[in-house]
Amino acid sequence: MVQIQEWVEDVDIAVNACIISVAHLKLDAPVARLGWLEVDHHYATWTIPQCDFDMLATRQYHESAQFALGDLEGIWMSFEPQGSGDSPEGHCGLFVHVPHEGKHTLKLSVQSISRILTHDFSGSDNRGFSPFCEFDSACVGDELVLSVEMLKVSGVAIGRREKKEKG
């Protein structure tokens, strides 16, 4: 039986005739339908390479694979290249589906533009922004980077440590 190492360093993967150099890719990590998904505890990044940009225009929206942020599993991102509803022309939308009840605060990002979302999730809804920002795939460069970071779960800040009193 052939054993596969859990971590692979400096692997070149052919994806849709596009070569992507990947370092420290966990083999059992979820894979996005377009591009790839990387998750680091409370932070998820969905990267869509330039070779997939033509596919962005084929649908109204695209969904990432599901992932976990901390202990909350089954989360995914939804990207709308042309926005939705009343979005001005040339603006995109970014949403996150959180199937867990509670008032959660997340930071959503498209490239270097970020917005903070606080919502009392019912366990079956998604929230985000449309319009999120101006979007032109020609101006993105080699890749489109979408991300979500969990800042608060049920109103409690993530990673915040209480200071101990000296004395």
C-alpha atoms as a PDB file:
ATOM      1  CA  MET A   1       0.000   0.000   0.000  1.00  0.00           C
ATOM      2  CA  VAL A   2       1.333   3.394  -0.932  1.00  0.00           C
ATOM      3  CA  GLN A   3       1.314   5.933   1.862  1.00  0.00           C
ATOM      4  CA  ILE A   4       0.706   9.565   1.017  1.00  0.00           C
ATOM      5  CA  GLN A   5       2.393  12.164   3.175  1.00  0.00           C
ATOM      6  CA  GLU A   6      -0.025  14.547   4.862  1.00  0.00           C
ATOM      7  CA  TRP A   7       1.980  17.619   3.892  1.00  0.00           C
ATOM      8  CA  VAL A   8       3.567  18.217   0.528  1.00  0.00           C
ATOM      9  CA  GLU A   9       6.115  21.001   0.012  1.00  0.00           C
ATOM     10  CA  ASP A  10       6.699  22.904  -3.199  1.00  0.00           C
ATOM     11  CA  VAL A  11       4.320  20.925  -5.392  1.00  0.00           C
ATOM     12  CA  ASP A  12       3.384  22.021  -8.874  1.00  0.00           C
ATOM     13  CA  ILE A  13      -0.236  21.162  -9.616  1.00  0.00           C
ATOM     14  CA  ALA A  14      -1.840  21.460 -13.028  1.00  0.00           C
ATOM     15  CA  VAL A  15      -5.324  22.939 -12.665  1.00  0.00           C
ATOM     16  CA  ASN A  16      -7.311  23.675 -15.818  1.00  0.00           C
ATOM     17  CA  ALA A  17      -4.066  23.968 -17.816  1.00  0.00           C
ATOM     18  CA  CYS A  18      -2.772  26.527 -15.331  1.00  0.00           C
ATOM     19  CA  ILE A  19       0.290  25.716 -13.242  1.00  0.00           C
ATOM     20  CA  ILE A  20       0.009  26.795  -9.624  1.00  0.00           C
ATOM     21  CA  SER A  21       2.974  26.570  -7.277  1.00  0.00           C
ATOM     22  CA  VAL A  22       1.753  25.401  -3.891  1.00  0.00           C
ATOM     23  CA  ALA A  23       3.771  25.167  -0.681  1.00  0.00           C
ATOM     24  CA  HIS A  24       2.638  23.272   2.404  1.00  0.00           C
ATOM     25  CA  LEU A  25      -0.650  22.086   0.922  1.00  0.00           C
ATOM     26  CA  LYS A  26      -2.488  19.728   3.241  1.00  0.00           C
ATOM     27  CA  LEU A  27      -3.784  16.890   1.081  1.00  0.00           C
ATOM     28  CA  ASP A  28      -7.038  16.467   2.980  1.00  0.00           C
ATOM     29  CA  ALA A  29      -7.807  20.206   2.907  1.00  0.00           C
ATOM     30  CA  PRO A  30     -11.083  21.141   1.189  1.00  0.00           C
ATOM     31  CA  VAL A  31     -10.755  22.156  -2.463  1.00  0.00           C
ATOM     32  CA  ALA A  32     -12.821  25.021  -3.869  1.00  0.00           C
ATOM     33  CA  ARG A  33     -14.810  24.512  -7.055  1.00  0.00           C
ATOM     34  CA  LEU A  34     -12.753  27.275  -8.656  1.00  0.00           C
ATOM     35  CA  GLY A  35      -9.206  27.783  -7.472  1.00  0.00           C
ATOM     36  CA  TRP A  36      -8.251  26.517  -4.047  1.00  0.00           C
ATOM     37  CA  LEU A  37      -9.165  27.048  -0.415  1.00  0.00           C
ATOM     38  CA  GLU A  38      -6.767  27.421   2.513  1.00  0.00           C
ATOM     39  CA  VAL A  39      -7.976  27.419   6.116  1.00  0.00           C
ATOM     40  CA  ASP A  40      -6.018  28.404   9.208  1.00  0.00           C
ATOM     41  CA  HIS A  41      -8.251  27.978  12.268  1.00  0.00           C
ATOM     42  CA  HIS A  42     -10.318  31.230  12.183  1.00  0.00           C
ATOM     43  CA  TYR A  43      -9.255  32.426   8.725  1.00  0.00           C
ATOM     44  CA  ALA A  44     -10.125  31.051   5.264  1.00  0.00           C
ATOM     45  CA  THR A  45      -8.714  32.215   1.930  1.00  0.00           C
ATOM     46  CA  TRP A  46     -10.238  31.297  -1.427  1.00  0.00           C
ATOM     47  CA  THR A  47      -7.816  31.971  -4.277  1.00  0.00           C
ATOM     48  CA  ILE A  48      -8.997  31.926  -7.877  1.00  0.00           C
ATOM     49  CA  PRO A  49      -6.147  31.934 -10.446  1.00  0.00           C
ATOM     50  CA  GLN A  50      -6.266  34.016 -13.603  1.00  0.00           C
ATOM     51  CA  CYS A  51      -6.749  30.885 -15.721  1.00  0.00           C
ATOM     52  CA  ASP A  52     -10.204  30.473 -14.083  1.00  0.00           C
ATOM     53  CA  PHE A  53     -11.356  34.080 -14.671  1.00  0.00           C
ATOM     54  CA  ASP A  54     -13.271  33.086 -17.832  1.00  0.00           C
ATOM     55  CA  MET A  55     -15.377  30.762 -15.662  1.00  0.00           C
ATOM     56  CA  LEU A  56     -16.334  33.683 -13.377  1.00  0.00           C
ATOM     57  CA  ALA A  57     -18.428  35.207 -16.148  1.00  0.00           C
ATOM     58  CA  THR A  58     -20.311  31.961 -16.843  1.00  0.00           C
ATOM     59  CA  ARG A  59     -22.440  32.073 -13.689  1.00  0.00           C
ATOM     60  CA  GLN A  60     -24.170  34.653 -11.532  1.00  0.00           C
ATOM     61  CA  TYR A  61     -22.380  33.354  -8.440  1.00  0.00           C
ATOM     62  CA  HIS A  62     -19.751  30.822  -7.369  1.00  0.00           C
ATOM     63  CA  GLU A  63     -19.445  28.971  -4.066  1.00  0.00           C
ATOM     64  CA  SER A  64     -16.327  27.809  -2.279  1.00  0.00           C
ATOM     65  CA  ALA A  65     -16.050  24.378  -0.757  1.00  0.00           C
ATOM     66  CA  GLN A  66     -17.249  24.111   2.839  1.00  0.00           C
ATOM     67  CA  PHE A  67     -14.772  24.752   5.645  1.00  0.00           C
ATOM     68  CA  ALA A  68     -14.565  25.217   9.411  1.00  0.00           C
ATOM     69  CA  LEU A  69     -13.630  28.382  11.251  1.00  0.00           C
ATOM     70  CA  GLY A  70     -12.588  27.257  14.708  1.00  0.00           C
ATOM     71  CA  ASP A  71     -15.273  24.852  15.939  1.00  0.00           C
ATOM     72  CA  LEU A  72     -17.903  26.083  13.472  1.00  0.00           C
ATOM     73  CA  GLU A  73     -18.103  23.673  10.529  1.00  0.00           C
ATOM     74  CA  GLY A  74     -20.031  23.816   7.257  1.00  0.00           C
ATOM     75  CA  ILE A  75     -19.230  27.453   6.401  1.00  0.00           C
ATOM     76  CA  TRP A  76     -18.780  28.560   2.792  1.00  0.00           C
ATOM     77  CA  MET A  77     -18.285  31.727   0.756  1.00  0.00           C
ATOM     78  CA  SER A  78     -20.354  32.849  -2.219  1.00  0.00           C
ATOM     79  CA  PHE A  79     -18.878  35.267  -4.761  1.00  0.00           C
ATOM     80  CA  GLU A  80     -20.976  37.227  -7.266  1.00  0.00           C
ATOM     81  CA  PRO A  81     -18.684  38.730  -9.947  1.00  0.00           C
ATOM     82  CA  GLN A  82     -21.455  41.027 -11.256  1.00  0.00           C
ATOM     83  CA  GLY A  83     -23.087  41.630  -7.876  1.00  0.00           C
ATOM     84  CA  SER A  84     -26.795  41.056  -7.338  1.00  0.00           C
ATOM     85  CA  GLY A  85     -30.048  42.927  -7.445  1.00  0.00           C
ATOM     86  CA  ASP A  86     -29.425  46.660  -7.392  1.00  0.00           C
ATOM     87  CA  SER A  87     -25.619  46.496  -7.490  1.00  0.00           C
ATOM     88  CA  PRO A  88     -24.095  49.142  -9.746  1.00  0.00           C
ATOM     89  CA  GLU A  89     -22.494  47.835 -12.912  1.00  0.00           C
ATOM     90  CA  GLY A  90     -18.905  46.695 -12.324  1.00  0.00           C
ATOM     91  CA  HIS A  91     -19.402  45.856  -8.635  1.00  0.00           C
ATOM     92  CA  CYS A  92     -19.114  42.384  -7.091  1.00  0.00           C
ATOM     93  CA  GLY A  93     -20.768  40.757  -4.091  1.00  0.00           C
ATOM     94  CA  LEU A  94     -19.305  38.531  -1.354  1.00  0.00           C
ATOM     95  CA  PHE A  95     -21.373  36.509   1.101  1.00  0.00           C
ATOM     96  CA  VAL A  96     -20.714  33.943   3.813  1.00  0.00           C
ATOM     97  CA  HIS A  97     -23.047  31.123   4.867  1.00  0.00           C
ATOM     98  CA  VAL A  98     -22.783  30.307   8.575  1.00  0.00           C
ATOM     99  CA  PRO A  99     -25.032  27.368   9.553  1.00  0.00           C
ATOM    100  CA  HIS A 100     -24.669  28.065  13.291  1.00  0.00           C
ATOM    101  CA  GLU A 101     -26.986  30.181  15.408  1.00  0.00           C
ATOM    102  CA  GLY A 102     -25.554  33.181  17.198  1.00  0.00           C
ATOM    103  CA  LYS A 103     -24.381  36.738  16.748  1.00  0.00           C
ATOM    104  CA  HIS A 104     -21.139  36.333  14.808  1.00  0.00           C
ATOM    105  CA  THR A 105     -18.736  38.992  13.557  1.00  0.00           C
ATOM    106  CA  LEU A 106     -16.662  38.278  10.457  1.00  0.00           C
ATOM    107  CA  LYS A 107     -14.269  40.219   8.269  1.00  0.00           C
ATOM    108  CA  LEU A 108     -14.920  39.623   4.567  1.00  0.00           C
ATOM    109  CA  SER A 109     -12.286  40.612   1.998  1.00  0.00           C
ATOM    110  CA  VAL A 110     -11.978  40.880  -1.776  1.00  0.00           C
ATOM    111  CA  GLN A 111      -8.304  41.418  -2.553  1.00  0.00           C
ATOM    112  CA  SER A 112      -7.201  44.215  -0.136  1.00  0.00           C
ATOM    113  CA  ILE A 113     -10.700  45.620   0.459  1.00  0.00           C
ATOM    114  CA  SER A 114     -12.331  44.447   3.698  1.00  0.00           C
ATOM    115  CA  ARG A 115     -15.690  44.934   5.338  1.00  0.00           C
ATOM    116  CA  ILE A 116     -16.901  43.895   8.785  1.00  0.00           C
ATOM    117  CA  LEU A 117     -20.148  41.952   9.096  1.00  0.00           C
ATOM    118  CA  THR A 118     -21.998  41.430  12.388  1.00  0.00           C
ATOM    119  CA  HIS A 119     -25.195  39.416  12.131  1.00  0.00           C
ATOM    120  CA  ASP A 120     -27.430  37.324  14.372  1.00  0.00           C
ATOM    121  CA  PHE A 121     -27.368  34.137  12.269  1.00  0.00           C
ATOM    122  CA  SER A 122     -30.380  31.831  12.510  1.00  0.00           C
ATOM    123  CA  GLY A 123     -28.467  28.721  11.469  1.00  0.00           C
ATOM    124  CA  SER A 124     -29.656  28.637   7.868  1.00  0.00           C
ATOM    125  CA  ASP A 125     -28.925  32.058   6.408  1.00  0.00           C
ATOM    126  CA  ASN A 126     -26.125  33.773   4.580  1.00  0.00           C
ATOM    127  CA  ARG A 127     -25.067  37.390   4.796  1.00  0.00           C
ATOM    128  CA  GLY A 128     -22.611  39.654   3.073  1.00  0.00           C
ATOM    129  CA  PHE A 129     -22.396  42.673   0.851  1.00  0.00           C
ATOM    130  CA  SER A 130     -23.584  43.426  -2.665  1.00  0.00           C
ATOM    131  CA  PRO A 131     -22.206  45.703  -3.799  1.00  0.00           C
ATOM    132  CA  PHE A 132     -19.003  44.815  -1.995  1.00  0.00           C
ATOM    133  CA  CYS A 133     -16.534  46.744  -4.150  1.00  0.00           C
ATOM    134  CA  GLU A 134     -15.710  47.580  -7.746  1.00  0.00           C
ATOM    135  CA  PHE A 135     -14.568  44.495  -9.621  1.00  0.00           C
ATOM    136  CA  ASP A 136     -12.861  44.089 -12.957  1.00  0.00           C
ATOM    137  CA  SER A 137     -11.074  40.790 -13.494  1.00  0.00           C
ATOM    138  CA  ALA A 138      -8.649  42.585 -15.827  1.00  0.00           C
ATOM    139  CA  CYS A 139      -7.426  44.664 -12.873  1.00  0.00           C
ATOM    140  CA  VAL A 140      -7.049  41.813 -10.396  1.00  0.00           C
ATOM    141  CA  GLY A 141      -3.679  40.544 -11.625  1.00  0.00           C
ATOM    142  CA  ASP A 142      -2.651  36.897 -11.522  1.00  0.00           C
ATOM    143  CA  GLU A 143      -5.234  35.831  -8.960  1.00  0.00           C
ATOM    144  CA  LEU A 144      -8.383  36.859  -7.130  1.00  0.00           C
ATOM    145  CA  VAL A 145      -8.160  36.434  -3.353  1.00  0.00           C
ATOM    146  CA  LEU A 146     -11.348  36.237  -1.291  1.00  0.00           C
ATOM    147  CA  SER A 147     -11.229  35.689   2.458  1.00  0.00           C
ATOM    148  CA  VAL A 148     -13.279  35.470   5.612  1.00  0.00           C
ATOM    149  CA  GLU A 149     -12.007  35.805   9.169  1.00  0.00           C
ATOM    150  CA  MET A 150     -14.090  34.960  12.234  1.00  0.00           C
ATOM    151  CA  LEU A 151     -13.677  37.840  14.701  1.00  0.00           C
ATOM    152  CA  LYS A 152     -16.417  36.984  17.226  1.00  0.00           C
ATOM    153  CA  VAL A 153     -18.479  33.856  17.907  1.00  0.00           C
ATOM    154  CA  SER A 154     -21.765  34.505  19.710  1.00  0.00           C
ATOM    155  CA  GLY A 155     -20.465  37.945  20.622  1.00  0.00           C
ATOM    156  CA  VAL A 156     -17.168  36.727  22.160  1.00  0.00           C
ATOM    157  CA  ALA A 157     -13.956  37.948  20.531  1.00  0.00           C
ATOM    158  CA  ILE A 158     -11.649  35.315  19.075  1.00  0.00           C
ATOM    159  CA  GLY A 159      -8.086  35.178  20.346  1.00  0.00           C
ATOM    160  CA  ARG A 160      -8.598  37.834  22.973  1.00  0.00           C
ATOM    161  CA  ARG A 161      -6.876  36.891  26.207  1.00  0.00           C
ATOM    162  CA  GLU A 162      -7.803  38.453  29.508  1.00  0.00           C
ATOM    163  CA  LYS A 163      -4.985  40.280  31.252  1.00  0.00           C
ATOM    164  CA  LYS A 164      -3.933  38.876  34.604  1.00  0.00           C
ATOM    165  CA  GLU A 165      -3.722  41.318  37.448  1.00  0.00           C
ATOM    166  CA  LYS A 166      -0.286  41.788  38.955  1.00  0.00           C
ATOM    167  CA  GLY A 167      -0.046  41.617  42.641  1.00  0.00           C
END
